[in-house]
C-alpha atoms as a PDB file:
ATOM      1  CA  UNK A   1      -2.262  12.850  12.914  1.00  0.00           C
ATOM      2  CA  UNK A   2       0.947  10.941  13.588  1.00  0.00           C
ATOM      3  CA  UNK A   3       2.353   7.432  13.403  1.00  0.00           C
ATOM      4  CA  UNK A   4       2.465   4.889  16.207  1.00  0.00           C
ATOM      5  CA  UNK A   5       5.733   3.051  16.858  1.00  0.00           C
ATOM      6  CA  UNK A   6       4.597   0.334  14.460  1.00  0.00           C
ATOM      7  CA  UNK A   7       3.873   2.801  11.664  1.00  0.00           C
ATOM      8  CA  UNK A   8       0.061   3.081  11.875  1.00  0.00           C
ATOM      9  CA  UNK A   9      -1.623   6.524  11.499  1.00  0.00           C
ATOM     10  CA  UNK A  10      -3.439   7.473  14.713  1.00  0.00           C
ATOM     11  CA  UNK A  11      -5.472  10.526  15.700  1.00  0.00           C
ATOM     12  CA  UNK A  12      -3.265  12.190  18.281  1.00  0.00           C
ATOM     13  CA  UNK A  13      -2.695  15.941  18.464  1.00  0.00           C
ATOM     14  CA  UNK A  14       0.095  16.199  21.036  1.00  0.00           C
ATOM     15  CA  UNK A  15       3.556  14.703  20.860  1.00  0.00           C
ATOM     16  CA  UNK A  16       3.110  13.241  24.354  1.00  0.00           C
ATOM     17  CA  UNK A  17       0.149  11.313  25.742  1.00  0.00           C
ATOM     18  CA  UNK A  18      -0.311  12.903  29.171  1.00  0.00           C
ATOM     19  CA  UNK A  19      -2.687  15.792  28.332  1.00  0.00           C
ATOM     20  CA  UNK A  20      -5.443  13.749  26.679  1.00  0.00           C
ATOM     21  CA  UNK A  21      -4.881  10.147  27.804  1.00  0.00           C
ATOM     22  CA  UNK A  22      -3.869   8.098  30.826  1.00  0.00           C
ATOM     23  CA  UNK A  23      -0.695   7.019  29.022  1.00  0.00           C
ATOM     24  CA  UNK A  24       1.703   9.194  31.021  1.00  0.00           C
ATOM     25  CA  UNK A  25       4.414  11.288  29.380  1.00  0.00           C
ATOM     26  CA  UNK A  26       5.322   8.725  26.755  1.00  0.00           C
ATOM     27  CA  UNK A  27       5.542   9.976  23.182  1.00  0.00           C
ATOM     28  CA  UNK A  28       2.789   8.609  20.947  1.00  0.00           C
ATOM     29  CA  UNK A  29       5.375   7.762  18.279  1.00  0.00           C
ATOM     30  CA  UNK A  30       7.048   5.351  20.738  1.00  0.00           C
ATOM     31  CA  UNK A  31       3.885   3.380  21.562  1.00  0.00           C
ATOM     32  CA  UNK A  32       2.316   0.636  19.419  1.00  0.00           C
ATOM     33  CA  UNK A  33      -1.113   1.260  17.918  1.00  0.00           C
ATOM     34  CA  UNK A  34      -2.786  -1.542  19.902  1.00  0.00           C
ATOM     35  CA  UNK A  35      -1.561  -0.002  23.168  1.00  0.00           C
ATOM     36  CA  UNK A  36      -2.753   3.472  22.102  1.00  0.00           C
ATOM     37  CA  UNK A  37      -6.179   2.027  21.348  1.00  0.00           C
ATOM     38  CA  UNK A  38      -6.360   0.572  24.866  1.00  0.00           C
ATOM     39  CA  UNK A  39      -5.733   3.921  26.616  1.00  0.00           C
ATOM     40  CA  UNK A  40      -8.460   6.161  28.039  1.00  0.00           C
ATOM     41  CA  UNK A  41      -8.458   9.107  25.627  1.00  0.00           C
ATOM     42  CA  UNK A  42     -11.950  10.378  26.438  1.00  0.00           C
ATOM     43  CA  UNK A  43     -12.180  11.208  30.143  1.00  0.00           C
ATOM     44  CA  UNK A  44     -10.248  14.491  29.778  1.00  0.00           C
ATOM     45  CA  UNK A  45     -13.178  15.767  27.720  1.00  0.00           C
ATOM     46  CA  UNK A  46     -16.135  14.226  29.522  1.00  0.00           C
ATOM     47  CA  UNK A  47     -16.886  11.195  31.734  1.00  0.00           C
ATOM     48  CA  UNK A  48     -19.342  10.168  29.028  1.00  0.00           C
ATOM     49  CA  UNK A  49     -16.357   9.286  26.840  1.00  0.00           C
ATOM     50  CA  UNK A  50     -14.267   7.432  29.405  1.00  0.00           C
ATOM     51  CA  UNK A  51     -12.418   4.404  28.062  1.00  0.00           C
ATOM     52  CA  UNK A  52     -12.538   5.662  24.475  1.00  0.00           C
ATOM     53  CA  UNK A  53      -9.142   4.783  23.057  1.00  0.00           C
ATOM     54  CA  UNK A  54      -6.910   6.655  20.630  1.00  0.00           C
ATOM     55  CA  UNK A  55      -8.543   6.005  17.239  1.00  0.00           C
ATOM     56  CA  UNK A  56      -6.803   4.794  14.113  1.00  0.00           C
ATOM     57  CA  UNK A  57      -7.191   7.046  11.083  1.00  0.00           C
ATOM     58  CA  UNK A  58      -8.480   4.267   8.889  1.00  0.00           C
ATOM     59  CA  UNK A  59     -11.225   3.208  11.292  1.00  0.00           C
ATOM     60  CA  UNK A  60     -12.425   6.819  11.596  1.00  0.00           C
ATOM     61  CA  UNK A  61     -12.520   7.218   7.812  1.00  0.00           C
ATOM     62  CA  UNK A  62     -14.436   3.992   7.376  1.00  0.00           C
ATOM     63  CA  UNK A  63     -16.929   4.704  10.183  1.00  0.00           C
ATOM     64  CA  UNK A  64     -17.808   8.282   9.210  1.00  0.00           C
ATOM     65  CA  UNK A  65     -16.558   8.753   5.671  1.00  0.00           C
ATOM     66  CA  UNK A  66     -19.927   8.774   3.951  1.00  0.00           C
ATOM     67  CA  UNK A  67     -21.143  11.615   6.207  1.00  0.00           C
ATOM     68  CA  UNK A  68     -18.139  13.912   6.652  1.00  0.00           C
ATOM     69  CA  UNK A  69     -15.271  15.673   4.939  1.00  0.00           C
ATOM     70  CA  UNK A  70     -11.838  15.501   6.560  1.00  0.00           C
ATOM     71  CA  UNK A  71      -9.087  18.033   7.177  1.00  0.00           C
ATOM     72  CA  UNK A  72      -6.271  15.744   8.286  1.00  0.00           C
ATOM     73  CA  UNK A  73      -3.339  17.546   9.895  1.00  0.00           C
ATOM     74  CA  UNK A  74      -0.017  15.733   9.585  1.00  0.00           C
ATOM     75  CA  UNK A  75       2.234  16.283  12.589  1.00  0.00           C
ATOM     76  CA  UNK A  76       5.747  15.389  11.568  1.00  0.00           C
ATOM     77  CA  UNK A  77       7.339  16.144  14.959  1.00  0.00           C
ATOM     78  CA  UNK A  78      10.787  14.536  14.585  1.00  0.00           C
ATOM     79  CA  UNK A  79      10.020  12.362  11.545  1.00  0.00           C
ATOM     80  CA  UNK A  80      11.816  13.204   8.317  1.00  0.00           C
ATOM     81  CA  UNK A  81      11.627   9.843   6.518  1.00  0.00           C
ATOM     82  CA  UNK A  82       8.371  10.512   4.635  1.00  0.00           C
ATOM     83  CA  UNK A  83       6.658   7.470   6.129  1.00  0.00           C
ATOM     84  CA  UNK A  84       3.935   9.534   7.825  1.00  0.00           C
ATOM     85  CA  UNK A  85       2.860  11.105   4.537  1.00  0.00           C
ATOM     86  CA  UNK A  86       2.945   7.778   2.722  1.00  0.00           C
ATOM     87  CA  UNK A  87       0.950   5.866   5.341  1.00  0.00           C
ATOM     88  CA  UNK A  88      -1.701   8.591   5.686  1.00  0.00           C
ATOM     89  CA  UNK A  89      -2.106   8.849   1.906  1.00  0.00           C
ATOM     90  CA  UNK A  90      -2.446   5.042   1.704  1.00  0.00           C
ATOM     91  CA  UNK A  91      -5.127   5.024   4.416  1.00  0.00           C
ATOM     92  CA  UNK A  92      -7.092   7.750   2.638  1.00  0.00           C
ATOM     93  CA  UNK A  93      -6.886   5.857  -0.654  1.00  0.00           C
ATOM     94  CA  UNK A  94      -7.853   2.497   0.846  1.00  0.00           C
ATOM     95  CA  UNK A  95     -10.867   4.095   2.509  1.00  0.00           C
ATOM     96  CA  UNK A  96     -12.033   5.632  -0.768  1.00  0.00           C
ATOM     97  CA  UNK A  97     -11.795   9.095   0.794  1.00  0.00           C
ATOM     98  CA  UNK A  98      -9.487  10.902  -1.625  1.00  0.00           C
ATOM     99  CA  UNK A  99     -12.216  13.261  -2.854  1.00  0.00           C
ATOM    100  CA  UNK A 100     -13.456  13.945   0.674  1.00  0.00           C
ATOM    101  CA  UNK A 101     -10.123  14.721   2.328  1.00  0.00           C
ATOM    102  CA  UNK A 102      -7.494  17.442   2.441  1.00  0.00           C
ATOM    103  CA  UNK A 103      -4.102  16.788   4.061  1.00  0.00           C
ATOM    104  CA  UNK A 104      -2.627  19.797   5.858  1.00  0.00           C
ATOM    105  CA  UNK A 105       0.600  20.530   7.694  1.00  0.00           C
ATOM    106  CA  UNK A 106       2.798  23.298   9.089  1.00  0.00           C
ATOM    107  CA  UNK A 107       5.686  21.465   7.415  1.00  0.00           C
ATOM    108  CA  UNK A 108       6.445  22.501   3.857  1.00  0.00           C
ATOM    109  CA  UNK A 109       8.664  19.430   3.507  1.00  0.00           C
ATOM    110  CA  UNK A 110       5.694  17.267   4.405  1.00  0.00           C
ATOM    111  CA  UNK A 111       3.616  18.951   1.692  1.00  0.00           C
ATOM    112  CA  UNK A 112       6.411  18.570  -0.862  1.00  0.00           C
ATOM    113  CA  UNK A 113       6.619  14.870  -0.086  1.00  0.00           C
ATOM    114  CA  UNK A 114       2.866  14.478  -0.447  1.00  0.00           C
ATOM    115  CA  UNK A 115       3.053  16.145  -3.842  1.00  0.00           C
ATOM    116  CA  UNK A 116       5.868  13.793  -4.906  1.00  0.00           C
ATOM    117  CA  UNK A 117       3.594  10.832  -4.149  1.00  0.00           C
ATOM    118  CA  UNK A 118       1.290  12.090  -6.931  1.00  0.00           C
ATOM    119  CA  UNK A 119      -1.856  10.735  -5.274  1.00  0.00           C
ATOM    120  CA  UNK A 120      -4.173  13.560  -6.328  1.00  0.00           C
ATOM    121  CA  UNK A 121      -5.170  14.131  -2.693  1.00  0.00           C
ATOM    122  CA  UNK A 122      -5.774  17.822  -1.943  1.00  0.00           C
ATOM    123  CA  UNK A 123      -3.261  19.524   0.349  1.00  0.00           C
ATOM    124  CA  UNK A 124      -3.056  22.705   2.417  1.00  0.00           C
ATOM    125  CA  UNK A 125      -0.501  24.671   4.399  1.00  0.00           C
ATOM    126  CA  UNK A 126      -1.127  25.623   8.038  1.00  0.00           C
ATOM    127  CA  UNK A 127       0.350  28.975   9.042  1.00  0.00           C
ATOM    128  CA  UNK A 128       0.127  31.352  11.971  1.00  0.00           C
ATOM    129  CA  UNK A 129       1.628  34.262  10.020  1.00  0.00           C
ATOM    130  CA  UNK A 130       1.367  36.032   6.668  1.00  0.00           C
ATOM    131  CA  UNK A 131       3.925  36.970   4.040  1.00  0.00           C
ATOM    132  CA  UNK A 132       3.411  38.541   0.637  1.00  0.00           C
ATOM    133  CA  UNK A 133       4.964  35.475  -0.988  1.00  0.00           C
ATOM    134  CA  UNK A 134       2.408  33.046   0.460  1.00  0.00           C
ATOM    135  CA  UNK A 135      -0.002  32.867  -2.523  1.00  0.00           C
ATOM    136  CA  UNK A 136       2.842  32.027  -4.921  1.00  0.00           C
ATOM    137  CA  UNK A 137       4.398  29.612  -2.441  1.00  0.00           C
ATOM    138  CA  UNK A 138       1.119  27.769  -1.953  1.00  0.00           C
ATOM    139  CA  UNK A 139       0.690  27.448  -5.699  1.00  0.00           C
ATOM    140  CA  UNK A 140       4.239  26.106  -5.961  1.00  0.00           C
ATOM    141  CA  UNK A 141       3.494  23.530  -3.276  1.00  0.00           C
ATOM    142  CA  UNK A 142       0.357  22.446  -5.129  1.00  0.00           C
ATOM    143  CA  UNK A 143      -1.890  23.465  -2.229  1.00  0.00           C
ATOM    144  CA  UNK A 144      -5.553  24.408  -2.626  1.00  0.00           C
ATOM    145  CA  UNK A 145      -6.005  25.591   0.970  1.00  0.00           C
ATOM    146  CA  UNK A 146      -4.385  27.900   3.512  1.00  0.00           C
ATOM    147  CA  UNK A 147      -5.380  27.101   7.101  1.00  0.00           C
ATOM    148  CA  UNK A 148      -4.449  30.276   8.960  1.00  0.00           C
ATOM    149  CA  UNK A 149      -4.540  31.868  12.375  1.00  0.00           C
ATOM    150  CA  UNK A 150      -7.398  34.349  11.989  1.00  0.00           C
ATOM    151  CA  UNK A 151      -5.263  37.193  13.369  1.00  0.00           C
ATOM    152  CA  UNK A 152      -2.988  36.889  10.321  1.00  0.00           C
ATOM    153  CA  UNK A 153      -5.850  37.291   7.832  1.00  0.00           C
ATOM    154  CA  UNK A 154      -7.899  40.175   6.491  1.00  0.00           C
ATOM    155  CA  UNK A 155     -10.169  40.857   3.542  1.00  0.00           C
ATOM    156  CA  UNK A 156      -7.345  41.819   1.159  1.00  0.00           C
ATOM    157  CA  UNK A 157      -5.240  38.753   1.957  1.00  0.00           C
ATOM    158  CA  UNK A 158      -8.226  36.475   1.490  1.00  0.00           C
ATOM    159  CA  UNK A 159      -8.853  38.190  -1.872  1.00  0.00           C
ATOM    160  CA  UNK A 160      -5.237  37.625  -2.965  1.00  0.00           C
ATOM    161  CA  UNK A 161      -5.453  33.943  -2.075  1.00  0.00           C
ATOM    162  CA  UNK A 162      -8.753  33.559  -3.874  1.00  0.00           C
ATOM    163  CA  UNK A 163      -7.282  35.142  -7.006  1.00  0.00           C
ATOM    164  CA  UNK A 164      -4.524  32.502  -6.855  1.00  0.00           C
ATOM    165  CA  UNK A 165      -7.099  29.711  -6.582  1.00  0.00           C
ATOM    166  CA  UNK A 166      -6.423  29.133  -2.866  1.00  0.00           C
ATOM    167  CA  UNK A 167      -9.268  28.778  -0.387  1.00  0.00           C
ATOM    168  CA  UNK A 168      -8.861  30.159   3.148  1.00  0.00           C
ATOM    169  CA  UNK A 169      -9.686  28.510   6.456  1.00  0.00           C
ATOM    170  CA  UNK A 170      -9.355  30.614   9.628  1.00  0.00           C
ATOM    171  CA  UNK A 171      -8.904  29.293  13.168  1.00  0.00           C
ATOM    172  CA  UNK A 172     -10.041  29.243  15.888  1.00  0.00           C
ATOM    173  CA  UNK A 173     -13.138  31.453  16.012  1.00  0.00           C
ATOM    174  CA  UNK A 174     -15.221  30.783  19.124  1.00  0.00           C
ATOM    175  CA  UNK A 175     -16.738  34.242  19.514  1.00  0.00           C
ATOM    176  CA  UNK A 176     -20.014  35.009  17.701  1.00  0.00           C
ATOM    177  CA  UNK A 177     -18.830  38.459  16.593  1.00  0.00           C
ATOM    178  CA  UNK A 178     -15.510  37.137  15.266  1.00  0.00           C
ATOM    179  CA  UNK A 179     -17.238  34.400  13.309  1.00  0.00           C
ATOM    180  CA  UNK A 180     -19.597  36.960  11.824  1.00  0.00           C
ATOM    181  CA  UNK A 181     -16.756  39.361  10.959  1.00  0.00           C
ATOM    182  CA  UNK A 182     -14.820  36.781   8.971  1.00  0.00           C
ATOM    183  CA  UNK A 183     -17.920  35.408   7.285  1.00  0.00           C
ATOM    184  CA  UNK A 184     -18.643  38.943   6.063  1.00  0.00           C
ATOM    185  CA  UNK A 185     -15.159  39.238   4.537  1.00  0.00           C
ATOM    186  CA  UNK A 186     -15.901  36.471   2.041  1.00  0.00           C
ATOM    187  CA  UNK A 187     -18.694  33.864   2.109  1.00  0.00           C
ATOM    188  CA  UNK A 188     -16.285  31.198   0.839  1.00  0.00           C
ATOM    189  CA  UNK A 189     -14.035  31.420   3.928  1.00  0.00           C
ATOM    190  CA  UNK A 190     -14.012  28.197   5.957  1.00  0.00           C
ATOM    191  CA  UNK A 191     -14.310  28.815   9.688  1.00  0.00           C
ATOM    192  CA  UNK A 192     -12.813  26.532  12.320  1.00  0.00           C
ATOM    193  CA  UNK A 193     -14.661  26.699  15.637  1.00  0.00           C
ATOM    194  CA  UNK A 194     -15.313  24.674  18.772  1.00  0.00           C
ATOM    195  CA  UNK A 195     -18.899  25.969  18.845  1.00  0.00           C
ATOM    196  CA  UNK A 196     -20.847  25.001  15.703  1.00  0.00           C
ATOM    197  CA  UNK A 197     -24.042  26.395  17.258  1.00  0.00           C
ATOM    198  CA  UNK A 198     -22.493  29.887  17.359  1.00  0.00           C
ATOM    199  CA  UNK A 199     -21.257  29.415  13.791  1.00  0.00           C
ATOM    200  CA  UNK A 200     -24.782  28.606  12.593  1.00  0.00           C
ATOM    201  CA  UNK A 201     -26.202  31.599  14.456  1.00  0.00           C
ATOM    202  CA  UNK A 202     -23.567  33.924  13.017  1.00  0.00           C
ATOM    203  CA  UNK A 203     -24.159  32.830   9.426  1.00  0.00           C
ATOM    204  CA  UNK A 204     -27.899  33.182   9.812  1.00  0.00           C
ATOM    205  CA  UNK A 205     -27.498  36.696  11.251  1.00  0.00           C
ATOM    206  CA  UNK A 206     -25.770  38.140   8.176  1.00  0.00           C
ATOM    207  CA  UNK A 207     -27.568  40.806   6.086  1.00  0.00           C
ATOM    208  CA  UNK A 208     -27.929  38.155   3.392  1.00  0.00           C
ATOM    209  CA  UNK A 209     -27.852  34.935   5.440  1.00  0.00           C
ATOM    210  CA  UNK A 210     -25.473  32.370   4.008  1.00  0.00           C
ATOM    211  CA  UNK A 211     -26.782  28.963   3.179  1.00  0.00           C
ATOM    212  CA  UNK A 212     -25.181  26.574   5.650  1.00  0.00           C
ATOM    213  CA  UNK A 213     -22.682  24.333   3.794  1.00  0.00           C
ATOM    214  CA  UNK A 214     -23.909  20.832   3.114  1.00  0.00           C
ATOM    215  CA  UNK A 215     -21.861  17.708   3.619  1.00  0.00           C
ATOM    216  CA  UNK A 216     -20.362  18.023   0.149  1.00  0.00           C
ATOM    217  CA  UNK A 217     -18.907  21.508   0.703  1.00  0.00           C
ATOM    218  CA  UNK A 218     -15.101  21.450   0.513  1.00  0.00           C
ATOM    219  CA  UNK A 219     -12.227  23.405  -0.998  1.00  0.00           C
ATOM    220  CA  UNK A 220     -11.589  22.480  -4.606  1.00  0.00           C
END
């Protein structure tokens, strides 16, 4: 999630447009939202989605909000003015999605700014590494979630986070055996995968099969 040149939150993962759109090597932050919406952001994935433009956050929340929960990653890139955090929080509030969203970021400054806004929206840190100070740091940041590279996590670290009131999400588990391994560590672990069918199979294969989370399942 980042801002267009005219300050509108758009769903764009990369800093530049060339990998997932026909917008060339321009930076998303230097292109207006209306232009981003007119690009082809679907053909890279499948011809079935050709001519799908870059979506605005608010339209996605309004279209699907009653059926989904959202983990919204804020990508600061070069922004340090706090506008990204403010605009995303406003969009979540306007859409009535505060209770169904968590805002996450690699940037601790981004999370501090979100906390200063005092919106009550849940937040989480994204990290690809572990340190013994993480549980205390997350609590200090007001986070309820750690979104972590699975290779940095194990049963004991998940236990420490849980004791601190922090839920764990691990990414990106696309292998059936890996999904199963982490599900066995703790049934409350959230698993990020590109293959939900494998995720369902893995959970159902456990010695005591886990009930598949419903649409209201989310970190507290």
